[in-house]
Amino acid sequence: MFFHKKRNVNGFLLLDKPQGMSSNNVLQKVKVIFNAKKAGYIGTLDPLATGMLPICFGEATKFSHYLSESDKYYNVVAKLGEKTSTSDSDGVILRKRPIIFTSLELSLALKELTGLINQTPSMYSAIKYKGLPLYKYARKGINIKRNIRRVFIYKITLIEQKDNWIELNVHCSKGTYIRTLIEDLGEKLFCGAHVITLRRLKIGLLSCSKLVKLSFLEKLLNKKNTKQTNFLKKIDDLLMPVDTPIHFLPKIYISIKKLSVFKLGQKVNFSSTIQNSLVRVFEKDNNTFIGLGKINSEQILIPYRLVSMLTN
C-alpha cells in the first residue's frame, strides 16, 4: 500500500454490494481503497443480500439522510415450505410444512401484505438495543422484545412461483424488512418461507446502471504497475457529485455577489416560483454546488446546510 495520509474525498458512489459480506465490512474496504478520511453508507443490507449500497464520502455525508428516507425496490427469491431461525437461508430450519396453497390464496396473501402493514423486526437485524445490534443478542440465544413498526408496501409483483420457490419484486417504504415480509407471507400461506436471494435494485430515483462492483475497485488497487496518481484519478472518476443524495430537489443558481453573503450564513433575496421548499444552491458562473437552502413564501433564500469543500 502506497498511501500514508488519508485523503479528503468528497462524492458519492453507488456500490454493488457482493453476497456474504456485511454492509459495514464493505464500507471499510471501500474506505481503505479510496484512502478516505470520512465515509458512510445508506441503508443496511444483510450479508446474504446484494445490490445497491450507496456510499457517501466527505461532504456528501451531510445529505445522506435525505436519500435514506426514499422508497426502496427489491428482487427476492424465497423458498417455500421451510421456516428458518433468521428468516433466510443463513439460519437453521425450525419447521417444515407442505405447500398446498392455490394461486388464488397466493394472490390474496400478497394483497393482504400490500399497503400499510405492521412488521416485527427479526432478532437477526441491525436494530440496536442498549448499543448492540439485535443479531448479537440472537447469537447468544437472548430474545429482546421488539417494537412493531408500520411500513408501506407500494407494490408486490409476482415474477414466478414454481414448486417450492417464489420470486417477487417489491416496492416499499424505508424501514421495510424483506425477510420479515417473506416470513409473514409464508405464515399466511400456512407453509412457511425464507429468503434465498435478495437484491436491492433501486433507491428513490437512483438507477442501478451506475453500480460499481467491489471486485472492480480491488482489481484497480491490485494492479502493481499502476502509479498512485493514475489510480486515484481512476477511482475518483467513479464518484458521482456531492449533491447526488438530494438530486430530487430543485436546483437554483445564485450570483457571486449574493453567494458571498449566503456563504456566511445570511439570508438573501431570491426571486423564484419555488416557495417553501428546500433547493440545491449552485454558483452561477462555474456550476459549483454550495449546499442546501430554503426559499420561503416571501422569496427569501435561507441557508440550510452548506458544504465546506476541502482539498486533498
C-alpha atoms as a PDB file:
ATOM      1  CA  MET A   1       0.000   0.000   0.000  1.00  0.00           C
ATOM      2  CA  PHE A   2       1.479   3.307  -1.099  1.00  0.00           C
ATOM      3  CA  PHE A   3      -0.856   5.611   0.860  1.00  0.00           C
ATOM      4  CA  HIS A   4       0.076   7.282   4.101  1.00  0.00           C
ATOM      5  CA  LYS A   5      -2.056  10.278   4.987  1.00  0.00           C
ATOM      6  CA  LYS A   6      -5.810   9.811   4.491  1.00  0.00           C
ATOM      7  CA  ARG A   7      -7.485  11.997   1.853  1.00  0.00           C
ATOM      8  CA  ASN A   8     -10.432  14.374   1.972  1.00  0.00           C
ATOM      9  CA  VAL A   9     -12.607  12.574  -0.569  1.00  0.00           C
ATOM     10  CA  ASN A  10     -15.935  14.227  -1.424  1.00  0.00           C
ATOM     11  CA  GLY A  11     -18.505  12.450  -3.546  1.00  0.00           C
ATOM     12  CA  PHE A  12     -20.978   9.623  -3.864  1.00  0.00           C
ATOM     13  CA  LEU A  13     -20.546   6.027  -5.004  1.00  0.00           C
ATOM     14  CA  LEU A  14     -23.241   3.527  -5.935  1.00  0.00           C
ATOM     15  CA  LEU A  15     -21.662   0.253  -4.898  1.00  0.00           C
ATOM     16  CA  ASP A  16     -22.935  -3.157  -5.964  1.00  0.00           C
ATOM     17  CA  LYS A  17     -22.646  -4.981  -2.643  1.00  0.00           C
ATOM     18  CA  PRO A  18     -21.395  -8.575  -3.001  1.00  0.00           C
ATOM     19  CA  GLN A  19     -23.031 -11.504  -1.235  1.00  0.00           C
ATOM     20  CA  GLY A  20     -21.584 -12.838   2.009  1.00  0.00           C
ATOM     21  CA  MET A  21     -20.288  -9.548   3.443  1.00  0.00           C
ATOM     22  CA  SER A  22     -21.847  -7.148   5.936  1.00  0.00           C
ATOM     23  CA  SER A  23     -22.576  -3.610   4.768  1.00  0.00           C
ATOM     24  CA  ASN A  24     -20.068  -2.238   7.274  1.00  0.00           C
ATOM     25  CA  ASN A  25     -17.364  -4.637   6.124  1.00  0.00           C
ATOM     26  CA  VAL A  26     -17.901  -3.479   2.537  1.00  0.00           C
ATOM     27  CA  LEU A  27     -17.764   0.165   3.647  1.00  0.00           C
ATOM     28  CA  GLN A  28     -14.443  -0.327   5.437  1.00  0.00           C
ATOM     29  CA  LYS A  29     -12.922  -1.995   2.374  1.00  0.00           C
ATOM     30  CA  VAL A  30     -14.077   0.835   0.092  1.00  0.00           C
ATOM     31  CA  LYS A  31     -12.841   3.437   2.563  1.00  0.00           C
ATOM     32  CA  VAL A  32      -9.374   1.828   2.509  1.00  0.00           C
ATOM     33  CA  ILE A  33      -9.322   1.630  -1.302  1.00  0.00           C
ATOM     34  CA  PHE A  34     -10.180   5.341  -1.594  1.00  0.00           C
ATOM     35  CA  ASN A  35      -7.929   6.147   1.390  1.00  0.00           C
ATOM     36  CA  ALA A  36     -10.774   8.379   2.565  1.00  0.00           C
ATOM     37  CA  LYS A  37     -10.972  10.219   5.884  1.00  0.00           C
ATOM     38  CA  LYS A  38     -14.755  10.081   6.105  1.00  0.00           C
ATOM     39  CA  ALA A  39     -17.346   7.766   4.543  1.00  0.00           C
ATOM     40  CA  GLY A  40     -20.669   6.165   5.392  1.00  0.00           C
ATOM     41  CA  TYR A  41     -23.316   4.016   3.702  1.00  0.00           C
ATOM     42  CA  ILE A  42     -27.067   4.415   3.302  1.00  0.00           C
ATOM     43  CA  GLY A  43     -29.445   1.561   4.103  1.00  0.00           C
ATOM     44  CA  THR A  44     -28.010  -1.611   5.639  1.00  0.00           C
ATOM     45  CA  LEU A  45     -28.103  -4.767   3.509  1.00  0.00           C
ATOM     46  CA  ASP A  46     -27.858  -8.204   5.138  1.00  0.00           C
ATOM     47  CA  PRO A  47     -24.732 -10.279   4.362  1.00  0.00           C
ATOM     48  CA  LEU A  48     -26.892 -12.519   2.144  1.00  0.00           C
ATOM     49  CA  ALA A  49     -28.169  -9.537   0.120  1.00  0.00           C
ATOM     50  CA  THR A  50     -26.584  -7.914  -2.931  1.00  0.00           C
ATOM     51  CA  GLY A  51     -27.189  -4.764  -4.924  1.00  0.00           C
ATOM     52  CA  MET A  52     -27.339  -1.044  -4.411  1.00  0.00           C
ATOM     53  CA  LEU A  53     -25.388   0.195  -1.385  1.00  0.00           C
ATOM     54  CA  PRO A  54     -24.898   3.985  -1.661  1.00  0.00           C
ATOM     55  CA  ILE A  55     -21.648   5.215  -0.124  1.00  0.00           C
ATOM     56  CA  CYS A  56     -21.159   8.878   0.781  1.00  0.00           C
ATOM     57  CA  PHE A  57     -17.693  10.383   1.108  1.00  0.00           C
ATOM     58  CA  GLY A  58     -16.817  13.559   2.981  1.00  0.00           C
ATOM     59  CA  GLU A  59     -19.283  16.384   2.382  1.00  0.00           C
ATOM     60  CA  ALA A  60     -21.816  14.052   0.759  1.00  0.00           C
ATOM     61  CA  THR A  61     -22.464  12.502   4.204  1.00  0.00           C
ATOM     62  CA  LYS A  62     -24.223  15.769   5.192  1.00  0.00           C
ATOM     63  CA  PHE A  63     -27.077  14.886   2.829  1.00  0.00           C
ATOM     64  CA  SER A  64     -27.229  11.090   3.197  1.00  0.00           C
ATOM     65  CA  HIS A  65     -30.348  11.011   5.401  1.00  0.00           C
ATOM     66  CA  TYR A  66     -32.447  12.608   2.634  1.00  0.00           C
ATOM     67  CA  LEU A  67     -31.805   9.548   0.456  1.00  0.00           C
ATOM     68  CA  SER A  68     -32.328   7.101   3.325  1.00  0.00           C
ATOM     69  CA  GLU A  69     -35.949   8.358   3.523  1.00  0.00           C
ATOM     70  CA  SER A  70     -36.587   7.274  -0.091  1.00  0.00           C
ATOM     71  CA  ASP A  71     -38.522   4.229  -1.325  1.00  0.00           C
ATOM     72  CA  LYS A  72     -36.637   1.003  -1.976  1.00  0.00           C
ATOM     73  CA  TYR A  73     -37.025  -1.611  -4.706  1.00  0.00           C
ATOM     74  CA  TYR A  74     -36.003  -5.269  -4.284  1.00  0.00           C
ATOM     75  CA  ASN A  75     -35.970  -8.564  -6.114  1.00  0.00           C
ATOM     76  CA  VAL A  76     -36.349 -11.528  -3.791  1.00  0.00           C
ATOM     77  CA  VAL A  77     -36.364 -15.283  -4.291  1.00  0.00           C
ATOM     78  CA  ALA A  78     -37.786 -17.304  -1.399  1.00  0.00           C
ATOM     79  CA  LYS A  79     -38.033 -20.982  -0.575  1.00  0.00           C
ATOM     80  CA  LEU A  80     -41.465 -22.177   0.470  1.00  0.00           C
ATOM     81  CA  GLY A  81     -42.229 -24.917   2.986  1.00  0.00           C
ATOM     82  CA  GLU A  82     -39.435 -24.064   5.410  1.00  0.00           C
ATOM     83  CA  LYS A  83     -39.192 -21.516   8.230  1.00  0.00           C
ATOM     84  CA  THR A  84     -35.672 -20.688   9.469  1.00  0.00           C
ATOM     85  CA  SER A  85     -34.222 -19.023  12.571  1.00  0.00           C
ATOM     86  CA  THR A  86     -33.013 -15.988  10.606  1.00  0.00           C
ATOM     87  CA  SER A  87     -35.832 -15.849   8.014  1.00  0.00           C
ATOM     88  CA  ASP A  88     -33.207 -16.540   5.337  1.00  0.00           C
ATOM     89  CA  SER A  89     -31.010 -19.410   4.159  1.00  0.00           C
ATOM     90  CA  ASP A  90     -28.211 -18.470   6.604  1.00  0.00           C
ATOM     91  CA  GLY A  91     -30.294 -19.790   9.503  1.00  0.00           C
ATOM     92  CA  VAL A  92     -31.258 -23.264  10.694  1.00  0.00           C
ATOM     93  CA  ILE A  93     -34.575 -24.819   9.678  1.00  0.00           C
ATOM     94  CA  LEU A  94     -37.114 -24.537  12.503  1.00  0.00           C
ATOM     95  CA  ARG A  95     -40.131 -26.098  10.823  1.00  0.00           C
ATOM     96  CA  LYS A  96     -41.107 -27.838   7.584  1.00  0.00           C
ATOM     97  CA  ARG A  97     -44.660 -27.866   6.216  1.00  0.00           C
ATOM     98  CA  PRO A  98     -46.324 -28.998   2.982  1.00  0.00           C
ATOM     99  CA  ILE A  99     -47.032 -26.489   0.208  1.00  0.00           C
ATOM    100  CA  ILE A 100     -50.727 -26.791  -0.587  1.00  0.00           C
ATOM    101  CA  PHE A 101     -51.967 -23.251  -1.316  1.00  0.00           C
ATOM    102  CA  THR A 102     -53.799 -22.301  -4.511  1.00  0.00           C
ATOM    103  CA  SER A 103     -52.953 -19.460  -6.916  1.00  0.00           C
ATOM    104  CA  LEU A 104     -55.973 -17.564  -5.570  1.00  0.00           C
ATOM    105  CA  GLU A 105     -54.732 -17.949  -1.978  1.00  0.00           C
ATOM    106  CA  LEU A 106     -51.311 -16.682  -3.053  1.00  0.00           C
ATOM    107  CA  SER A 107     -52.877 -13.678  -4.762  1.00  0.00           C
ATOM    108  CA  LEU A 108     -54.952 -12.861  -1.655  1.00  0.00           C
ATOM    109  CA  ALA A 109     -51.910 -13.234   0.648  1.00  0.00           C
ATOM    110  CA  LEU A 110     -49.870 -10.831  -1.490  1.00  0.00           C
ATOM    111  CA  LYS A 111     -52.780  -8.388  -1.480  1.00  0.00           C
ATOM    112  CA  GLU A 112     -53.002  -8.563   2.341  1.00  0.00           C
ATOM    113  CA  LEU A 113     -49.305  -7.682   2.572  1.00  0.00           C
ATOM    114  CA  THR A 114     -49.696  -4.632   0.303  1.00  0.00           C
ATOM    115  CA  GLY A 115     -50.362  -1.153   1.682  1.00  0.00           C
ATOM    116  CA  LEU A 116     -49.799  -0.068   5.280  1.00  0.00           C
ATOM    117  CA  ILE A 117     -48.731  -3.102   7.297  1.00  0.00           C
ATOM    118  CA  ASN A 118     -47.220  -3.921  10.686  1.00  0.00           C
ATOM    119  CA  GLN A 119     -43.852  -5.654  10.949  1.00  0.00           C
ATOM    120  CA  THR A 120     -41.971  -7.076  13.905  1.00  0.00           C
ATOM    121  CA  PRO A 121     -38.262  -6.868  13.021  1.00  0.00           C
ATOM    122  CA  SER A 122     -36.285 -10.109  13.184  1.00  0.00           C
ATOM    123  CA  MET A 123     -33.920 -10.714  16.092  1.00  0.00           C
ATOM    124  CA  TYR A 124     -31.340 -11.149  13.333  1.00  0.00           C
ATOM    125  CA  SER A 125     -31.418  -7.469  12.359  1.00  0.00           C
ATOM    126  CA  ALA A 126     -29.094  -4.495  12.797  1.00  0.00           C
ATOM    127  CA  ILE A 127     -31.559  -2.608  15.035  1.00  0.00           C
ATOM    128  CA  LYS A 128     -29.730  -1.635  18.196  1.00  0.00           C
ATOM    129  CA  TYR A 129     -30.759  -2.365  21.769  1.00  0.00           C
ATOM    130  CA  LYS A 130     -28.609  -0.792  24.504  1.00  0.00           C
ATOM    131  CA  GLY A 131     -25.923  -0.021  21.933  1.00  0.00           C
ATOM    132  CA  LEU A 132     -25.683  -3.517  20.460  1.00  0.00           C
ATOM    133  CA  PRO A 133     -27.367  -4.829  17.275  1.00  0.00           C
ATOM    134  CA  LEU A 134     -30.103  -7.388  17.904  1.00  0.00           C
ATOM    135  CA  TYR A 135     -28.313 -10.129  15.973  1.00  0.00           C
ATOM    136  CA  LYS A 136     -25.568 -10.188  18.630  1.00  0.00           C
ATOM    137  CA  TYR A 137     -28.188 -10.981  21.293  1.00  0.00           C
ATOM    138  CA  ALA A 138     -29.790 -13.556  18.980  1.00  0.00           C
ATOM    139  CA  ARG A 139     -26.489 -15.398  18.546  1.00  0.00           C
ATOM    140  CA  LYS A 140     -26.321 -15.777  22.334  1.00  0.00           C
ATOM    141  CA  GLY A 141     -29.876 -17.089  22.460  1.00  0.00           C
ATOM    142  CA  ILE A 142     -31.236 -13.911  24.070  1.00  0.00           C
ATOM    143  CA  ASN A 143     -34.627 -12.712  22.837  1.00  0.00           C
ATOM    144  CA  ILE A 144     -35.359  -8.963  23.073  1.00  0.00           C
ATOM    145  CA  LYS A 145     -38.871  -7.566  22.812  1.00  0.00           C
ATOM    146  CA  ARG A 146     -39.080  -5.562  19.580  1.00  0.00           C
ATOM    147  CA  ASN A 147     -41.431  -2.704  18.820  1.00  0.00           C
ATOM    148  CA  ILE A 148     -43.855  -3.228  15.963  1.00  0.00           C
ATOM    149  CA  ARG A 149     -43.151  -0.828  13.104  1.00  0.00           C
ATOM    150  CA  ARG A 150     -45.554   0.372  10.434  1.00  0.00           C
ATOM    151  CA  VAL A 151     -44.244   0.297   6.874  1.00  0.00           C
ATOM    152  CA  PHE A 152     -45.835   0.799   3.475  1.00  0.00           C
ATOM    153  CA  ILE A 153     -45.664  -1.790   0.707  1.00  0.00           C
ATOM    154  CA  TYR A 154     -46.498   0.041  -2.513  1.00  0.00           C
ATOM    155  CA  LYS A 155     -46.455  -2.970  -4.794  1.00  0.00           C
ATOM    156  CA  ILE A 156     -45.574  -6.675  -4.792  1.00  0.00           C
ATOM    157  CA  THR A 157     -45.150  -8.148  -8.264  1.00  0.00           C
ATOM    158  CA  LEU A 158     -45.204 -11.916  -8.657  1.00  0.00           C
ATOM    159  CA  ILE A 159     -42.460 -12.836 -11.142  1.00  0.00           C
ATOM    160  CA  GLU A 160     -42.790 -16.606 -10.862  1.00  0.00           C
ATOM    161  CA  GLN A 161     -43.929 -19.323  -8.469  1.00  0.00           C
ATOM    162  CA  LYS A 162     -42.922 -22.877  -9.131  1.00  0.00           C
ATOM    163  CA  ASP A 163     -42.755 -25.927  -6.856  1.00  0.00           C
ATOM    164  CA  ASN A 164     -41.107 -24.802  -3.592  1.00  0.00           C
ATOM    165  CA  TRP A 165     -39.829 -21.368  -4.564  1.00  0.00           C
ATOM    166  CA  ILE A 166     -41.240 -17.965  -5.421  1.00  0.00           C
ATOM    167  CA  GLU A 167     -39.743 -14.820  -6.985  1.00  0.00           C
ATOM    168  CA  LEU A 168     -41.120 -11.348  -6.260  1.00  0.00           C
ATOM    169  CA  ASN A 169     -40.305  -7.704  -6.952  1.00  0.00           C
ATOM    170  CA  VAL A 170     -41.131  -5.413  -4.029  1.00  0.00           C
ATOM    171  CA  HIS A 171     -41.514  -1.622  -3.961  1.00  0.00           C
ATOM    172  CA  CYS A 172     -41.620  -0.478  -0.336  1.00  0.00           C
ATOM    173  CA  SER A 173     -41.054   2.372   2.085  1.00  0.00           C
ATOM    174  CA  LYS A 174     -37.923   2.864   4.169  1.00  0.00           C
ATOM    175  CA  GLY A 175     -37.607   0.588   7.165  1.00  0.00           C
ATOM    176  CA  THR A 176     -39.183  -2.434   5.481  1.00  0.00           C
ATOM    177  CA  TYR A 177     -37.668  -5.817   6.287  1.00  0.00           C
ATOM    178  CA  ILE A 178     -37.971  -8.074   3.255  1.00  0.00           C
ATOM    179  CA  ARG A 179     -37.045 -11.158   5.322  1.00  0.00           C
ATOM    180  CA  THR A 180     -39.962 -10.387   7.651  1.00  0.00           C
ATOM    181  CA  LEU A 181     -42.259  -9.785   4.670  1.00  0.00           C
ATOM    182  CA  ILE A 182     -41.346 -13.210   3.248  1.00  0.00           C
ATOM    183  CA  GLU A 183     -41.774 -14.914   6.615  1.00  0.00           C
ATOM    184  CA  ASP A 184     -45.199 -13.272   7.014  1.00  0.00           C
ATOM    185  CA  LEU A 185     -46.130 -14.435   3.504  1.00  0.00           C
ATOM    186  CA  GLY A 186     -45.128 -17.986   4.429  1.00  0.00           C
ATOM    187  CA  GLU A 187     -47.382 -17.875   7.506  1.00  0.00           C
ATOM    188  CA  LYS A 188     -50.327 -16.566   5.501  1.00  0.00           C
ATOM    189  CA  LEU A 189     -49.856 -19.497   3.106  1.00  0.00           C
ATOM    190  CA  PHE A 190     -49.568 -21.932   6.075  1.00  0.00           C
ATOM    191  CA  CYS A 191     -46.305 -23.397   4.759  1.00  0.00           C
ATOM    192  CA  GLY A 192     -43.531 -21.122   5.976  1.00  0.00           C
ATOM    193  CA  ALA A 193     -40.933 -19.375   3.800  1.00  0.00           C
ATOM    194  CA  HIS A 194     -37.454 -17.893   3.936  1.00  0.00           C
ATOM    195  CA  VAL A 195     -35.281 -15.722   1.703  1.00  0.00           C
ATOM    196  CA  ILE A 196     -32.750 -17.424  -0.584  1.00  0.00           C
ATOM    197  CA  THR A 197     -31.544 -14.408  -2.554  1.00  0.00           C
ATOM    198  CA  LEU A 198     -32.240 -10.703  -2.124  1.00  0.00           C
ATOM    199  CA  ARG A 199     -31.086  -7.895  -4.371  1.00  0.00           C
ATOM    200  CA  ARG A 200     -31.732  -4.169  -3.927  1.00  0.00           C
ATOM    201  CA  LEU A 201     -32.450  -2.772  -7.360  1.00  0.00           C
ATOM    202  CA  LYS A 202     -33.148   0.876  -6.661  1.00  0.00           C
ATOM    203  CA  ILE A 203     -33.338   3.604  -4.014  1.00  0.00           C
ATOM    204  CA  GLY A 204     -35.552   6.544  -4.894  1.00  0.00           C
ATOM    205  CA  LEU A 205     -34.766   7.551  -8.463  1.00  0.00           C
ATOM    206  CA  LEU A 206     -31.171   6.298  -8.456  1.00  0.00           C
ATOM    207  CA  SER A 207     -30.527   3.893 -11.300  1.00  0.00           C
ATOM    208  CA  CYS A 208     -28.589   0.650 -10.864  1.00  0.00           C
ATOM    209  CA  SER A 209     -26.941   1.302 -14.262  1.00  0.00           C
ATOM    210  CA  LYS A 210     -24.211   3.215 -12.375  1.00  0.00           C
ATOM    211  CA  LEU A 211     -23.392   0.455  -9.904  1.00  0.00           C
ATOM    212  CA  VAL A 212     -19.681  -0.204  -9.285  1.00  0.00           C
ATOM    213  CA  LYS A 213     -18.533  -3.656  -8.152  1.00  0.00           C
ATOM    214  CA  LEU A 214     -16.188  -4.030  -5.188  1.00  0.00           C
ATOM    215  CA  SER A 215     -14.178  -6.552  -7.229  1.00  0.00           C
ATOM    216  CA  PHE A 216     -13.582  -3.848  -9.875  1.00  0.00           C
ATOM    217  CA  LEU A 217     -12.220  -1.439  -7.240  1.00  0.00           C
ATOM    218  CA  GLU A 218      -9.991  -4.176  -5.813  1.00  0.00           C
ATOM    219  CA  LYS A 219      -8.732  -5.024  -9.301  1.00  0.00           C
ATOM    220  CA  LEU A 220      -7.702  -1.385  -9.832  1.00  0.00           C
ATOM    221  CA  LEU A 221      -5.961  -1.376  -6.446  1.00  0.00           C
ATOM    222  CA  ASN A 222      -4.078  -4.604  -7.105  1.00  0.00           C
ATOM    223  CA  LYS A 223      -2.556  -3.557 -10.418  1.00  0.00           C
ATOM    224  CA  LYS A 224       1.109  -3.492  -9.453  1.00  0.00           C
ATOM    225  CA  ASN A 225       2.225  -1.139 -12.214  1.00  0.00           C
ATOM    226  CA  THR A 226      -0.414   1.490 -11.512  1.00  0.00           C
ATOM    227  CA  LYS A 227       1.040   4.785 -10.373  1.00  0.00           C
ATOM    228  CA  GLN A 228      -0.579   6.429  -7.362  1.00  0.00           C
ATOM    229  CA  THR A 229      -1.792   9.498  -9.272  1.00  0.00           C
ATOM    230  CA  ASN A 230      -3.290   7.379 -12.070  1.00  0.00           C
ATOM    231  CA  PHE A 231      -5.019   5.091  -9.580  1.00  0.00           C
ATOM    232  CA  LEU A 232      -6.515   7.983  -7.602  1.00  0.00           C
ATOM    233  CA  LYS A 233      -7.807   9.600 -10.788  1.00  0.00           C
ATOM    234  CA  LYS A 234      -9.413   6.357 -11.914  1.00  0.00           C
ATOM    235  CA  ILE A 235     -11.273   5.757  -8.674  1.00  0.00           C
ATOM    236  CA  ASP A 236     -12.207   9.416  -8.184  1.00  0.00           C
ATOM    237  CA  ASP A 237     -13.682   9.447 -11.705  1.00  0.00           C
ATOM    238  CA  LEU A 238     -16.151   6.813 -10.481  1.00  0.00           C
ATOM    239  CA  LEU A 239     -17.606   9.224  -7.918  1.00  0.00           C
ATOM    240  CA  MET A 240     -20.890  10.984  -8.509  1.00  0.00           C
ATOM    241  CA  PRO A 241     -21.448  14.609  -7.338  1.00  0.00           C
ATOM    242  CA  VAL A 242     -21.771  15.518  -3.640  1.00  0.00           C
ATOM    243  CA  ASP A 243     -25.419  16.536  -4.142  1.00  0.00           C
ATOM    244  CA  THR A 244     -26.448  13.121  -5.563  1.00  0.00           C
ATOM    245  CA  PRO A 245     -28.375  12.123  -2.371  1.00  0.00           C
ATOM    246  CA  ILE A 246     -30.571  15.203  -2.871  1.00  0.00           C
ATOM    247  CA  HIS A 247     -30.737  15.088  -6.676  1.00  0.00           C
ATOM    248  CA  PHE A 248     -34.558  15.100  -6.487  1.00  0.00           C
ATOM    249  CA  LEU A 249     -34.622  18.658  -5.060  1.00  0.00           C
ATOM    250  CA  PRO A 250     -34.943  21.664  -7.399  1.00  0.00           C
ATOM    251  CA  LYS A 251     -31.707  23.348  -8.500  1.00  0.00           C
ATOM    252  CA  ILE A 252     -31.108  27.112  -8.395  1.00  0.00           C
ATOM    253  CA  TYR A 253     -28.184  29.374  -9.275  1.00  0.00           C
ATOM    254  CA  ILE A 254     -27.084  32.493  -7.412  1.00  0.00           C
ATOM    255  CA  SER A 255     -24.665  35.222  -8.417  1.00  0.00           C
ATOM    256  CA  ILE A 256     -21.204  35.648  -6.890  1.00  0.00           C
ATOM    257  CA  LYS A 257     -22.378  38.838  -5.191  1.00  0.00           C
ATOM    258  CA  LYS A 258     -25.222  37.075  -3.363  1.00  0.00           C
ATOM    259  CA  LEU A 259     -23.096  33.985  -2.859  1.00  0.00           C
ATOM    260  CA  SER A 260     -20.542  35.806  -0.699  1.00  0.00           C
ATOM    261  CA  VAL A 261     -23.342  36.757   1.720  1.00  0.00           C
ATOM    262  CA  PHE A 262     -25.100  33.392   1.501  1.00  0.00           C
ATOM    263  CA  LYS A 263     -21.899  31.513   2.343  1.00  0.00           C
ATOM    264  CA  LEU A 264     -21.655  33.479   5.578  1.00  0.00           C
ATOM    265  CA  GLY A 265     -24.989  32.001   6.625  1.00  0.00           C
ATOM    266  CA  GLN A 266     -27.051  35.084   5.822  1.00  0.00           C
ATOM    267  CA  LYS A 267     -30.387  35.291   4.020  1.00  0.00           C
ATOM    268  CA  VAL A 268     -30.581  36.772   0.507  1.00  0.00           C
ATOM    269  CA  ASN A 269     -33.454  37.952  -1.664  1.00  0.00           C
ATOM    270  CA  PHE A 270     -34.212  35.462  -4.423  1.00  0.00           C
ATOM    271  CA  SER A 271     -36.984  35.809  -6.971  1.00  0.00           C
ATOM    272  CA  SER A 272     -38.399  32.377  -7.843  1.00  0.00           C
ATOM    273  CA  THR A 273     -41.615  30.472  -8.486  1.00  0.00           C
ATOM    274  CA  ILE A 274     -40.402  27.954  -5.868  1.00  0.00           C
ATOM    275  CA  GLN A 275     -41.868  28.582  -2.432  1.00  0.00           C
ATOM    276  CA  ASN A 276     -41.433  26.893   0.958  1.00  0.00           C
ATOM    277  CA  SER A 277     -39.082  24.287  -0.424  1.00  0.00           C
ATOM    278  CA  LEU A 278     -35.532  23.105   0.035  1.00  0.00           C
ATOM    279  CA  VAL A 279     -33.352  23.748  -3.007  1.00  0.00           C
ATOM    280  CA  ARG A 280     -29.870  22.820  -4.201  1.00  0.00           C
ATOM    281  CA  VAL A 281     -27.856  26.013  -4.478  1.00  0.00           C
ATOM    282  CA  PHE A 282     -25.168  26.393  -7.160  1.00  0.00           C
ATOM    283  CA  GLU A 283     -22.783  29.196  -8.047  1.00  0.00           C
ATOM    284  CA  LYS A 284     -23.999  30.713 -11.302  1.00  0.00           C
ATOM    285  CA  ASP A 285     -20.642  31.155 -13.048  1.00  0.00           C
ATOM    286  CA  ASN A 286     -18.974  27.777 -12.521  1.00  0.00           C
ATOM    287  CA  ASN A 287     -21.865  25.454 -11.569  1.00  0.00           C
ATOM    288  CA  THR A 288     -20.301  24.687  -8.163  1.00  0.00           C
ATOM    289  CA  PHE A 289     -22.606  23.118  -5.566  1.00  0.00           C
ATOM    290  CA  ILE A 290     -22.788  25.334  -2.461  1.00  0.00           C
ATOM    291  CA  GLY A 291     -25.299  23.453  -0.336  1.00  0.00           C
ATOM    292  CA  LEU A 292     -28.939  23.366   0.657  1.00  0.00           C
ATOM    293  CA  GLY A 293     -31.098  26.440   1.010  1.00  0.00           C
ATOM    294  CA  LYS A 294     -34.763  27.086   1.610  1.00  0.00           C
ATOM    295  CA  ILE A 295     -36.887  29.577  -0.302  1.00  0.00           C
ATOM    296  CA  ASN A 296     -39.770  30.888   1.799  1.00  0.00           C
ATOM    297  CA  SER A 297     -43.046  32.440   0.671  1.00  0.00           C
ATOM    298  CA  GLU A 298     -41.507  35.915   0.813  1.00  0.00           C
ATOM    299  CA  GLN A 299     -38.888  34.954  -1.801  1.00  0.00           C
ATOM    300  CA  ILE A 300     -36.051  34.881   0.696  1.00  0.00           C
ATOM    301  CA  LEU A 301     -33.332  32.265   0.275  1.00  0.00           C
ATOM    302  CA  ILE A 302     -32.221  30.965   3.673  1.00  0.00           C
ATOM    303  CA  PRO A 303     -29.008  28.910   4.137  1.00  0.00           C
ATOM    304  CA  TYR A 304     -29.915  25.433   5.392  1.00  0.00           C
ATOM    305  CA  ARG A 305     -26.883  23.156   5.076  1.00  0.00           C
ATOM    306  CA  LEU A 306     -23.738  24.325   3.305  1.00  0.00           C
ATOM    307  CA  VAL A 307     -20.731  22.350   2.130  1.00  0.00           C
ATOM    308  CA  SER A 308     -17.181  23.227   3.039  1.00  0.00           C
ATOM    309  CA  MET A 309     -15.249  21.747   0.147  1.00  0.00           C
ATOM    310  CA  LEU A 310     -11.860  20.521   1.275  1.00  0.00           C
ATOM    311  CA  THR A 311      -8.747  19.968  -0.758  1.00  0.00           C
ATOM    312  CA  ASN A 312      -6.938  16.634  -0.797  1.00  0.00           C
END
